[in-house]
Each structure stands twice: as C-alpha cells, then as structure tokens.
Amino acid sequence: MWHVVCAIPRGQVLTYGVVARTAGFPGRARQAGLALRLAPDAMNLPWHRVVGAGGRIVFSKNSHQHREQARRLRAEGVLVRNGRVPDSAMSLLDEI
C-alpha cells in the first residue's frame, strides 16, 4: 500500500478505502491505515494525502496529528474546512 500513497500527486488526496482498493485489497481501508501507522519514518511517506471517507481528516479535531495534516495539505494548496477536503482535491485513480 505504501507504493500507492507515494504515487498520490502533490495537492491531491485519496481515501483509505481507495488506497486499499488500488493496492489490490478492496474493502480493507483499515489495513491501509495500519500500513501507514507501521511505515518507518525514514520512508517519508506523504501520509497527509490520505483521508477518511468523504474527505474527512480522521484524527481527533484537537490532536497534533489533525493540525499537522491540515497544515501540510494547506501547504500543498488543498482547501481544508471543518476537518474536510473538497471532492475536487480527490485524485483520480487513472493518475496513479
């Protein structure tokens, strides 16, 4: 699944479910989340480009992870409002 996350273009996002499906594991969105949590820091995966269903940042709104993900997405030009990104930020599978 890491290769799918690495392929997400800057300024775009995918959901955990789409990452799993693209990696050949349909219906395994939670497994995609686990793969991101277990990834070594040295890989420098663009984890911030993966969001929950509906474009929602899945971390608790008051958490450091939520603020960091929103900050990184905004730095790439992605609009983040109320912990969500717009559909227009969703990457198309054929681009990956």
Protein backbone atom coordinates (compact mmCIF):
# COMPACT_ATOMS: atom_id res chain seq x y z
CA MET A 1 0.00 0.00 0.00
CA TRP A 2 2.95 2.28 0.54
CA HIS A 3 3.57 2.50 -3.21
CA VAL A 4 0.05 3.82 -3.74
CA VAL A 5 0.49 6.51 -1.09
CA CYS A 6 3.80 7.55 -2.67
CA ALA A 7 2.04 7.96 -6.02
CA ILE A 8 -0.60 10.42 -4.78
CA PRO A 9 0.15 13.71 -6.56
CA ARG A 10 1.03 16.78 -4.53
CA GLY A 11 -2.09 18.81 -3.76
CA GLN A 12 -4.41 15.81 -4.06
CA VAL A 13 -5.73 13.18 -1.68
CA LEU A 14 -7.11 9.65 -1.67
CA THR A 15 -9.29 7.96 0.91
CA TYR A 16 -8.04 4.99 2.89
CA GLY A 17 -10.53 2.84 1.00
CA VAL A 18 -9.25 3.92 -2.40
CA VAL A 19 -5.65 3.36 -1.31
CA ALA A 20 -6.54 -0.18 -0.24
CA ARG A 21 -8.53 -0.93 -3.40
CA THR A 22 -5.78 0.46 -5.66
CA ALA A 23 -3.21 -1.68 -3.84
CA GLY A 24 -5.33 -4.77 -4.52
CA PHE A 25 -7.06 -5.02 -1.15
CA PRO A 26 -10.67 -3.94 -1.72
CA GLY A 27 -12.65 -3.41 1.45
CA ARG A 28 -9.53 -3.11 3.59
CA ALA A 29 -9.47 0.61 4.43
CA ARG A 30 -8.42 -0.11 8.00
CA GLN A 31 -5.50 -2.15 6.71
CA ALA A 32 -4.38 0.92 4.74
CA GLY A 33 -4.43 2.94 7.96
CA LEU A 34 -2.43 0.26 9.74
CA ALA A 35 0.13 0.20 6.92
CA LEU A 36 0.60 3.96 7.29
CA ARG A 37 0.98 3.70 11.06
CA LEU A 38 3.60 0.94 10.69
CA ALA A 39 5.61 2.66 7.95
CA PRO A 40 9.12 3.60 9.07
CA ASP A 41 9.61 7.36 9.44
CA ALA A 42 12.63 7.12 7.14
CA MET A 43 10.26 6.33 4.24
CA ASN A 44 8.89 9.88 4.41
CA LEU A 45 5.52 8.78 3.09
CA PRO A 46 3.11 11.60 2.24
CA TRP A 47 0.65 10.22 4.83
CA HIS A 48 -1.13 13.56 4.98
CA ARG A 49 -2.56 12.91 1.50
CA VAL A 50 -4.73 10.08 2.81
CA VAL A 51 -8.10 10.97 4.34
CA GLY A 52 -11.20 9.17 5.53
CA ALA A 53 -14.42 8.66 3.64
CA GLY A 54 -15.97 11.88 2.47
CA GLY A 55 -12.62 13.67 2.60
CA ARG A 56 -12.56 13.80 6.40
CA ILE A 57 -9.37 14.05 8.43
CA VAL A 58 -9.74 11.06 10.71
CA PHE A 59 -7.65 12.27 13.63
CA SER A 60 -9.36 13.87 16.62
CA LYS A 61 -10.00 17.54 15.88
CA ASN A 62 -7.88 18.77 18.80
CA SER A 63 -4.96 16.42 18.15
CA HIS A 64 -1.50 17.31 16.92
CA GLN A 65 -1.96 14.86 14.01
CA HIS A 66 -5.13 16.64 12.86
CA ARG A 67 -3.46 20.04 12.94
CA GLU A 68 -0.35 18.70 11.19
CA GLN A 69 -2.32 17.00 8.43
CA ALA A 70 -4.39 20.13 7.81
CA ARG A 71 -1.23 22.26 7.78
CA ARG A 72 0.55 20.00 5.29
CA LEU A 73 -2.48 19.81 3.00
CA ARG A 74 -2.92 23.58 3.03
CA ALA A 75 0.79 23.99 2.24
CA GLU A 76 0.11 21.96 -0.92
CA GLY A 77 -2.84 24.16 -1.86
CA VAL A 78 -5.61 21.86 -0.63
CA LEU A 79 -8.55 23.63 0.97
CA VAL A 80 -9.33 22.22 4.42
CA ARG A 81 -12.53 23.40 6.03
CA ASN A 82 -14.04 21.93 9.19
CA GLY A 83 -11.64 19.00 9.00
CA ARG A 84 -12.62 18.05 5.45
CA VAL A 85 -11.17 18.47 1.99
CA PRO A 86 -13.35 19.15 -1.06
CA ASP A 87 -14.13 16.49 -3.66
CA SER A 88 -12.05 18.50 -6.12
CA ALA A 89 -8.92 17.52 -4.14
CA MET A 90 -9.60 13.82 -4.63
CA SER A 91 -7.13 12.24 -7.05
CA LEU A 92 -8.36 10.19 -9.98
CA LEU A 93 -7.27 6.58 -9.94
CA ASP A 94 -6.02 6.70 -13.52
CA GLU A 95 -3.45 9.30 -12.46
CA ILE A 96 -1.81 6.82 -10.12
